[in-house]
Each structure stands twice: as structure tokens, then as C-alpha cells.
Amino acid sequence: MTTEGFDRSRLCYLDAASVAGPFPTCADVDVWNDVDGKIGQLDGIVLDAETRHVHYLVVATGGTFRRRRYLLPFRPARID
């Protein structure tokens, strides 16, 4: 995926609870990598509002007091 010439002003955030997918809601879906295991929970997605293509996953880590969010470039994923 290339971002050259891409208009970032069209990007918008969509909360995971509002995302339709293979589950009734995508809120609290665990996000894992193949190397280290669980990296957090899906908090939302960042997509192009015009084309509706997903560009990033927003992954939340930590607890109530040390909660952090990270942007991960969207890549094809396996759902277990």
C-alpha cells in the first residue's frame, strides 16, 4: 500500500463498537501478532471516508490508568 499522493484529510476514525464484521461488534476484539502474542484490543479503525478503504487499526493496550492507543497499518489478517 502506498500513501504517495494520498489525501489524508479524507481519513476518519470509526469506533470499534460501530464496525460491522464477523462478530456482532468489533469492540473488545483481541489483536495478536504471529511473534509475541496479544498486543491489545481493537479500539477502532481509520478509513478513507470517500473510498471506505481501511488504512489503520487503532489498538488499545494497558488498563484503566495506563491506557495507550497505537495505529497499526492495516494488512490482511487471520481471524481465529
PDB file of N, CA and C in Angstrom:
ATOM      1  N   MET A   1       0.844  -1.170   0.000  1.00  0.00           N
ATOM      2  CA  MET A   1       0.000   0.000   0.000  1.00  0.00           C
ATOM      3  C   MET A   1       0.887   1.230   0.000  1.00  0.00           C
ATOM      4  N   THR A   2       0.675   2.098  -0.916  1.00  0.00           N
ATOM      5  CA  THR A   2       1.439   3.334  -0.985  1.00  0.00           C
ATOM      6  C   THR A   2       0.579   4.504  -0.553  1.00  0.00           C
ATOM      7  N   THR A   3       1.206   5.484   0.065  1.00  0.00           N
ATOM      8  CA  THR A   3       0.464   6.669   0.501  1.00  0.00           C
ATOM      9  C   THR A   3       0.917   7.911  -0.240  1.00  0.00           C
ATOM     10  N   GLU A   4       1.765   7.748  -1.267  1.00  0.00           N
ATOM     11  CA  GLU A   4       2.198   8.900  -2.048  1.00  0.00           C
ATOM     12  C   GLU A   4       0.999   9.500  -2.761  1.00  0.00           C
ATOM     13  N   GLY A   5       0.853  10.810  -2.644  1.00  0.00           N
ATOM     14  CA  GLY A   5      -0.252  11.489  -3.291  1.00  0.00           C
ATOM     15  C   GLY A   5      -1.591  11.237  -2.627  1.00  0.00           C
ATOM     16  N   PHE A   6      -1.594  10.590  -1.489  1.00  0.00           N
ATOM     17  CA  PHE A   6      -2.836  10.276  -0.784  1.00  0.00           C
ATOM     18  C   PHE A   6      -3.291  11.475   0.031  1.00  0.00           C
ATOM     19  N   ASP A   7      -4.564  11.803  -0.044  1.00  0.00           N
ATOM     20  CA  ASP A   7      -5.131  12.939   0.681  1.00  0.00           C
ATOM     21  C   ASP A   7      -5.552  12.482   2.077  1.00  0.00           C
ATOM     22  N   ARG A   8      -4.718  12.751   3.066  1.00  0.00           N
ATOM     23  CA  ARG A   8      -5.000  12.306   4.441  1.00  0.00           C
ATOM     24  C   ARG A   8      -6.182  13.036   5.072  1.00  0.00           C
ATOM     25  N   SER A   9      -6.618  14.132   4.492  1.00  0.00           N
ATOM     26  CA  SER A   9      -7.750  14.867   5.061  1.00  0.00           C
ATOM     27  C   SER A   9      -9.047  14.070   4.947  1.00  0.00           C
ATOM     28  N   ARG A  10      -9.062  13.038   4.123  1.00  0.00           N
ATOM     29  CA  ARG A  10     -10.265  12.211   3.983  1.00  0.00           C
ATOM     30  C   ARG A  10     -10.339  11.112   5.033  1.00  0.00           C
ATOM     31  N   LEU A  11      -9.292  10.937   5.833  1.00  0.00           N
ATOM     32  CA  LEU A  11      -9.286   9.884   6.842  1.00  0.00           C
ATOM     33  C   LEU A  11     -10.228  10.224   7.984  1.00  0.00           C
ATOM     34  N   CYS A  12     -10.919   9.209   8.480  1.00  0.00           N
ATOM     35  CA  CYS A  12     -11.780   9.419   9.646  1.00  0.00           C
ATOM     36  C   CYS A  12     -11.698   8.184  10.549  1.00  0.00           C
ATOM     37  N   TYR A  13     -11.972   8.412  11.824  1.00  0.00           N
ATOM     38  CA  TYR A  13     -11.926   7.358  12.840  1.00  0.00           C
ATOM     39  C   TYR A  13     -13.325   6.797  13.033  1.00  0.00           C
ATOM     40  N   LEU A  14     -13.410   5.487  13.150  1.00  0.00           N
ATOM     41  CA  LEU A  14     -14.670   4.818  13.433  1.00  0.00           C
ATOM     42  C   LEU A  14     -14.447   3.895  14.625  1.00  0.00           C
ATOM     43  N   ASP A  15     -15.220   4.102  15.679  1.00  0.00           N
ATOM     44  CA  ASP A  15     -15.107   3.304  16.897  1.00  0.00           C
ATOM     45  C   ASP A  15     -15.411   1.837  16.606  1.00  0.00           C
ATOM     46  N   ALA A  16     -14.691   0.942  17.265  1.00  0.00           N
ATOM     47  CA  ALA A  16     -14.851  -0.498  17.031  1.00  0.00           C
ATOM     48  C   ALA A  16     -16.275  -0.970  17.299  1.00  0.00           C
ATOM     49  N   ALA A  17     -16.975  -0.351  18.234  1.00  0.00           N
ATOM     50  CA  ALA A  17     -18.351  -0.748  18.537  1.00  0.00           C
ATOM     51  C   ALA A  17     -19.288  -0.464  17.365  1.00  0.00           C
ATOM     52  N   SER A  18     -18.872   0.401  16.449  1.00  0.00           N
ATOM     53  CA  SER A  18     -19.691   0.761  15.289  1.00  0.00           C
ATOM     54  C   SER A  18     -19.311  -0.007  14.031  1.00  0.00           C
ATOM     55  N   VAL A  19     -18.312  -0.872  14.133  1.00  0.00           N
ATOM     56  CA  VAL A  19     -17.805  -1.589  12.963  1.00  0.00           C
ATOM     57  C   VAL A  19     -18.511  -2.936  12.839  1.00  0.00           C
ATOM     58  N   ALA A  20     -19.103  -3.184  11.675  1.00  0.00           N
ATOM     59  CA  ALA A  20     -19.715  -4.483  11.409  1.00  0.00           C
ATOM     60  C   ALA A  20     -18.639  -5.417  10.885  1.00  0.00           C
ATOM     61  N   GLY A  21     -18.702  -6.642  11.284  1.00  0.00           N
ATOM     62  CA  GLY A  21     -17.700  -7.605  10.842  1.00  0.00           C
ATOM     63  C   GLY A  21     -18.170  -9.012  11.114  1.00  0.00           C
ATOM     64  N   PRO A  22     -17.235  -9.923  11.290  1.00  0.00           N
ATOM     65  CA  PRO A  22     -17.607 -11.317  11.526  1.00  0.00           C
ATOM     66  C   PRO A  22     -18.182 -11.552  12.927  1.00  0.00           C
ATOM     67  N   PHE A  23     -18.171 -10.521  13.769  1.00  0.00           N
ATOM     68  CA  PHE A  23     -18.716 -10.597  15.120  1.00  0.00           C
ATOM     69  C   PHE A  23     -19.872  -9.602  15.213  1.00  0.00           C
ATOM     70  N   PRO A  24     -20.771  -9.756  16.204  1.00  0.00           N
ATOM     71  CA  PRO A  24     -21.844  -8.768  16.364  1.00  0.00           C
ATOM     72  C   PRO A  24     -21.297  -7.348  16.520  1.00  0.00           C
ATOM     73  N   THR A  25     -20.181  -7.211  17.210  1.00  0.00           N
ATOM     74  CA  THR A  25     -19.483  -5.933  17.333  1.00  0.00           C
ATOM     75  C   THR A  25     -17.992  -6.227  17.353  1.00  0.00           C
ATOM     76  N   CYS A  26     -17.206  -5.284  16.876  1.00  0.00           N
ATOM     77  CA  CYS A  26     -15.751  -5.482  16.876  1.00  0.00           C
ATOM     78  C   CYS A  26     -15.108  -4.915  18.136  1.00  0.00           C
ATOM     79  N   ALA A  27     -15.922  -4.376  19.044  1.00  0.00           N
ATOM     80  CA  ALA A  27     -15.386  -3.855  20.302  1.00  0.00           C
ATOM     81  C   ALA A  27     -14.817  -5.010  21.120  1.00  0.00           C
ATOM     82  N   ASP A  28     -13.705  -4.776  21.753  1.00  0.00           N
ATOM     83  CA  ASP A  28     -13.047  -5.747  22.629  1.00  0.00           C
ATOM     84  C   ASP A  28     -12.526  -6.987  21.907  1.00  0.00           C
ATOM     85  N   VAL A  29     -12.313  -6.896  20.609  1.00  0.00           N
ATOM     86  CA  VAL A  29     -11.699  -7.996  19.868  1.00  0.00           C
ATOM     87  C   VAL A  29     -10.197  -7.937  20.123  1.00  0.00           C
ATOM     88  N   ASP A  30      -9.614  -9.047  20.527  1.00  0.00           N
ATOM     89  CA  ASP A  30      -8.176  -9.092  20.788  1.00  0.00           C
ATOM     90  C   ASP A  30      -7.392  -9.048  19.482  1.00  0.00           C
ATOM     91  N   VAL A  31      -6.285  -8.309  19.497  1.00  0.00           N
ATOM     92  CA  VAL A  31      -5.387  -8.207  18.343  1.00  0.00           C
ATOM     93  C   VAL A  31      -4.084  -8.901  18.723  1.00  0.00           C
ATOM     94  N   TRP A  32      -3.657  -9.826  17.876  1.00  0.00           N
ATOM     95  CA  TRP A  32      -2.464 -10.629  18.128  1.00  0.00           C
ATOM     96  C   TRP A  32      -1.502 -10.485  16.962  1.00  0.00           C
ATOM     97  N   ASN A  33      -0.234 -10.700  17.234  1.00  0.00           N
ATOM     98  CA  ASN A  33       0.726 -10.837  16.141  1.00  0.00           C
ATOM     99  C   ASN A  33       1.254 -12.263  16.149  1.00  0.00           C
ATOM    100  N   ASP A  34       1.955 -12.637  15.111  1.00  0.00           N
ATOM    101  CA  ASP A  34       2.440 -14.018  14.996  1.00  0.00           C
ATOM    102  C   ASP A  34       3.665 -14.307  15.847  1.00  0.00           C
ATOM    103  N   VAL A  35       4.314 -13.271  16.371  1.00  0.00           N
ATOM    104  CA  VAL A  35       5.581 -13.459  17.074  1.00  0.00           C
ATOM    105  C   VAL A  35       5.420 -13.410  18.591  1.00  0.00           C
ATOM    106  N   ASP A  36       4.852 -12.319  19.102  1.00  0.00           N
ATOM    107  CA  ASP A  36       4.824 -12.083  20.546  1.00  0.00           C
ATOM    108  C   ASP A  36       3.491 -12.370  21.217  1.00  0.00           C
ATOM    109  N   GLY A  37       2.448 -12.654  20.477  1.00  0.00           N
ATOM    110  CA  GLY A  37       1.150 -12.910  21.076  1.00  0.00           C
ATOM    111  C   GLY A  37       0.257 -11.682  21.083  1.00  0.00           C
ATOM    112  N   LYS A  38      -0.574 -11.570  22.100  1.00  0.00           N
ATOM    113  CA  LYS A  38      -1.554 -10.489  22.175  1.00  0.00           C
ATOM    114  C   LYS A  38      -0.864  -9.135  22.306  1.00  0.00           C
ATOM    115  N   ILE A  39      -1.318  -8.170  21.481  1.00  0.00           N
ATOM    116  CA  ILE A  39      -0.761  -6.817  21.576  1.00  0.00           C
ATOM    117  C   ILE A  39      -1.779  -5.803  22.067  1.00  0.00           C
ATOM    118  N   GLY A  40      -3.050  -6.172  22.146  1.00  0.00           N
ATOM    119  CA  GLY A  40      -4.063  -5.257  22.655  1.00  0.00           C
ATOM    120  C   GLY A  40      -5.445  -5.628  22.152  1.00  0.00           C
ATOM    121  N   GLN A  41      -6.355  -4.650  22.258  1.00  0.00           N
ATOM    122  CA  GLN A  41      -7.720  -4.846  21.796  1.00  0.00           C
ATOM    123  C   GLN A  41      -8.043  -3.820  20.725  1.00  0.00           C
ATOM    124  N   LEU A  42      -8.871  -4.225  19.768  1.00  0.00           N
ATOM    125  CA  LEU A  42      -9.280  -3.315  18.709  1.00  0.00           C
ATOM    126  C   LEU A  42     -10.116  -2.194  19.309  1.00  0.00           C
ATOM    127  N   ASP A  43      -9.667  -0.956  19.118  1.00  0.00           N
ATOM    128  CA  ASP A  43     -10.364   0.217  19.633  1.00  0.00           C
ATOM    129  C   ASP A  43     -11.149   0.904  18.527  1.00  0.00           C
ATOM    130  N   GLY A  44     -10.672   0.780  17.292  1.00  0.00           N
ATOM    131  CA  GLY A  44     -11.342   1.401  16.163  1.00  0.00           C
ATOM    132  C   GLY A  44     -10.541   1.215  14.896  1.00  0.00           C
ATOM    133  N   ILE A  45     -11.018   1.848  13.837  1.00  0.00           N
ATOM    134  CA  ILE A  45     -10.313   1.813  12.561  1.00  0.00           C
ATOM    135  C   ILE A  45     -10.226   3.230  12.013  1.00  0.00           C
ATOM    136  N   VAL A  46      -9.240   3.448  11.174  1.00  0.00           N
ATOM    137  CA  VAL A  46      -9.115   4.715  10.455  1.00  0.00           C
ATOM    138  C   VAL A  46      -9.278   4.373   8.983  1.00  0.00           C
ATOM    139  N   LEU A  47     -10.267   5.009   8.356  1.00  0.00           N
ATOM    140  CA  LEU A  47     -10.555   4.695   6.974  1.00  0.00           C
ATOM    141  C   LEU A  47     -10.685   5.948   6.133  1.00  0.00           C
ATOM    142  N   ASP A  48     -10.596   5.757   4.831  1.00  0.00           N
ATOM    143  CA  ASP A  48     -10.814   6.828   3.867  1.00  0.00           C
ATOM    144  C   ASP A  48     -12.323   6.977   3.730  1.00  0.00           C
ATOM    145  N   ALA A  49     -12.853   8.129   4.094  1.00  0.00           N
ATOM    146  CA  ALA A  49     -14.298   8.333   4.094  1.00  0.00           C
ATOM    147  C   ALA A  49     -14.893   8.254   2.694  1.00  0.00           C
ATOM    148  N   GLU A  50     -14.112   8.586   1.690  1.00  0.00           N
ATOM    149  CA  GLU A  50     -14.620   8.580   0.314  1.00  0.00           C
ATOM    150  C   GLU A  50     -14.636   7.177  -0.283  1.00  0.00           C
ATOM    151  N   THR A  51     -13.548   6.449  -0.140  1.00  0.00           N
ATOM    152  CA  THR A  51     -13.440   5.123  -0.761  1.00  0.00           C
ATOM    153  C   THR A  51     -13.833   3.984   0.177  1.00  0.00           C
ATOM    154  N   ARG A  52     -13.908   4.274   1.467  1.00  0.00           N
ATOM    155  CA  ARG A  52     -14.218   3.293   2.514  1.00  0.00           C
ATOM    156  C   ARG A  52     -13.157   2.203   2.644  1.00  0.00           C
ATOM    157  N   HIS A  53     -11.940   2.497   2.259  1.00  0.00           N
ATOM    158  CA  HIS A  53     -10.827   1.563   2.452  1.00  0.00           C
ATOM    159  C   HIS A  53     -10.215   1.785   3.828  1.00  0.00           C
ATOM    160  N   VAL A  54      -9.984   0.700   4.544  1.00  0.00           N
ATOM    161  CA  VAL A  54      -9.359   0.776   5.861  1.00  0.00           C
ATOM    162  C   VAL A  54      -7.855   0.975   5.676  1.00  0.00           C
ATOM    163  N   HIS A  55      -7.290   1.964   6.378  1.00  0.00           N
ATOM    164  CA  HIS A  55      -5.854   2.228   6.298  1.00  0.00           C
ATOM    165  C   HIS A  55      -5.118   1.824   7.575  1.00  0.00           C
ATOM    166  N   TYR A  56      -5.764   1.978   8.735  1.00  0.00           N
ATOM    167  CA  TYR A  56      -5.108   1.683  10.011  1.00  0.00           C
ATOM    168  C   TYR A  56      -6.082   1.015  10.965  1.00  0.00           C
ATOM    169  N   LEU A  57      -5.538   0.191  11.854  1.00  0.00           N
ATOM    170  CA  LEU A  57      -6.266  -0.313  13.010  1.00  0.00           C
ATOM    171  C   LEU A  57      -5.813   0.502  14.208  1.00  0.00           C
ATOM    172  N   VAL A  58      -6.741   0.854  15.079  1.00  0.00           N
ATOM    173  CA  VAL A  58      -6.402   1.526  16.328  1.00  0.00           C
ATOM    174  C   VAL A  58      -6.467   0.456  17.411  1.00  0.00           C
ATOM    175  N   VAL A  59      -5.321   0.183  18.023  1.00  0.00           N
ATOM    176  CA  VAL A  59      -5.217  -0.881  19.019  1.00  0.00           C
ATOM    177  C   VAL A  59      -4.947  -0.255  20.377  1.00  0.00           C
ATOM    178  N   ALA A  60      -5.763  -0.613  21.369  1.00  0.00           N
ATOM    179  CA  ALA A  60      -5.609  -0.102  22.734  1.00  0.00           C
ATOM    180  C   ALA A  60      -4.869  -1.131  23.570  1.00  0.00           C
ATOM    181  N   THR A  61      -3.959  -0.639  24.407  1.00  0.00           N
ATOM    182  CA  THR A  61      -3.221  -1.505  25.322  1.00  0.00           C
ATOM    183  C   THR A  61      -3.298  -0.916  26.717  1.00  0.00           C
ATOM    184  N   GLY A  62      -2.993  -1.740  27.709  1.00  0.00           N
ATOM    185  CA  GLY A  62      -2.946  -1.258  29.086  1.00  0.00           C
ATOM    186  C   GLY A  62      -4.299  -1.307  29.762  1.00  0.00           C
ATOM    187  N   GLY A  63      -4.307  -0.839  31.001  1.00  0.00           N
ATOM    188  CA  GLY A  63      -5.519  -0.851  31.805  1.00  0.00           C
ATOM    189  C   GLY A  63      -6.160   0.520  31.882  1.00  0.00           C
ATOM    190  N   THR A  64      -6.920   0.731  32.940  1.00  0.00           N
ATOM    191  CA  THR A  64      -7.666   1.968  33.111  1.00  0.00           C
ATOM    192  C   THR A  64      -6.762   3.185  33.233  1.00  0.00           C
ATOM    193  N   PHE A  65      -5.683   3.086  33.976  1.00  0.00           N
ATOM    194  CA  PHE A  65      -4.842   4.254  34.240  1.00  0.00           C
ATOM    195  C   PHE A  65      -3.685   4.414  33.256  1.00  0.00           C
ATOM    196  N   ARG A  66      -3.315   3.359  32.563  1.00  0.00           N
ATOM    197  CA  ARG A  66      -2.178   3.432  31.630  1.00  0.00           C
ATOM    198  C   ARG A  66      -2.601   3.028  30.227  1.00  0.00           C
ATOM    199  N   ARG A  67      -3.768   3.403  29.832  1.00  0.00           N
ATOM    200  CA  ARG A  67      -4.293   3.037  28.521  1.00  0.00           C
ATOM    201  C   ARG A  67      -3.596   3.849  27.431  1.00  0.00           C
ATOM    202  N   ARG A  68      -3.143   3.157  26.409  1.00  0.00           N
ATOM    203  CA  ARG A  68      -2.496   3.804  25.260  1.00  0.00           C
ATOM    204  C   ARG A  68      -3.130   3.257  23.984  1.00  0.00           C
ATOM    205  N   ARG A  69      -3.073   4.074  22.945  1.00  0.00           N
ATOM    206  CA  ARG A  69      -3.590   3.652  21.642  1.00  0.00           C
ATOM    207  C   ARG A  69      -2.480   3.758  20.608  1.00  0.00           C
ATOM    208  N   TYR A  70      -2.453   2.780  19.720  1.00  0.00           N
ATOM    209  CA  TYR A  70      -1.440   2.733  18.667  1.00  0.00           C
ATOM    210  C   TYR A  70      -2.112   2.536  17.317  1.00  0.00           C
ATOM    211  N   LEU A  71      -1.549   3.158  16.290  1.00  0.00           N
ATOM    212  CA  LEU A  71      -2.007   2.948  14.918  1.00  0.00           C
ATOM    213  C   LEU A  71      -1.161   1.856  14.289  1.00  0.00           C
ATOM    214  N   LEU A  72      -1.813   0.850  13.748  1.00  0.00           N
ATOM    215  CA  LEU A  72      -1.117  -0.202  13.024  1.00  0.00           C
ATOM    216  C   LEU A  72      -1.593  -0.165  11.578  1.00  0.00           C
ATOM    217  N   PRO A  73      -0.683  -0.160  10.629  1.00  0.00           N
ATOM    218  CA  PRO A  73      -1.115  -0.206   9.224  1.00  0.00           C
ATOM    219  C   PRO A  73      -1.963  -1.452   8.995  1.00  0.00           C
ATOM    220  N   PHE A  74      -3.055  -1.273   8.280  1.00  0.00           N
ATOM    221  CA  PHE A  74      -3.949  -2.403   8.025  1.00  0.00           C
ATOM    222  C   PHE A  74      -3.329  -3.336   6.999  1.00  0.00           C
ATOM    223  N   ARG A  75      -3.302  -4.586   7.341  1.00  0.00           N
ATOM    224  CA  ARG A  75      -2.836  -5.652   6.463  1.00  0.00           C
ATOM    225  C   ARG A  75      -3.855  -6.788   6.556  1.00  0.00           C
ATOM    226  N   PRO A  76      -3.902  -7.624   5.560  1.00  0.00           N
ATOM    227  CA  PRO A  76      -4.803  -8.778   5.667  1.00  0.00           C
ATOM    228  C   PRO A  76      -4.524  -9.546   6.962  1.00  0.00           C
ATOM    229  N   ALA A  77      -5.585 -10.034   7.577  1.00  0.00           N
ATOM    230  CA  ALA A  77      -5.453 -10.677   8.883  1.00  0.00           C
ATOM    231  C   ALA A  77      -6.156 -12.028   8.890  1.00  0.00           C
ATOM    232  N   ARG A  78      -5.787 -12.818   9.856  1.00  0.00           N
ATOM    233  CA  ARG A  78      -6.442 -14.097  10.090  1.00  0.00           C
ATOM    234  C   ARG A  78      -7.312 -13.935  11.326  1.00  0.00           C
ATOM    235  N   ILE A  79      -8.539 -14.405  11.251  1.00  0.00           N
ATOM    236  CA  ILE A  79      -9.450 -14.329  12.393  1.00  0.00           C
ATOM    237  C   ILE A  79      -9.622 -15.732  12.944  1.00  0.00           C
ATOM    238  N   ASP A  80      -9.269 -15.890  14.224  1.00  0.00           N
ATOM    239  CA  ASP A  80      -9.403 -17.198  14.873  1.00  0.00           C
ATOM    240  C   ASP A  80     -10.644 -17.224  15.737  1.00  0.00           C
TER     241      ASP A  80
END
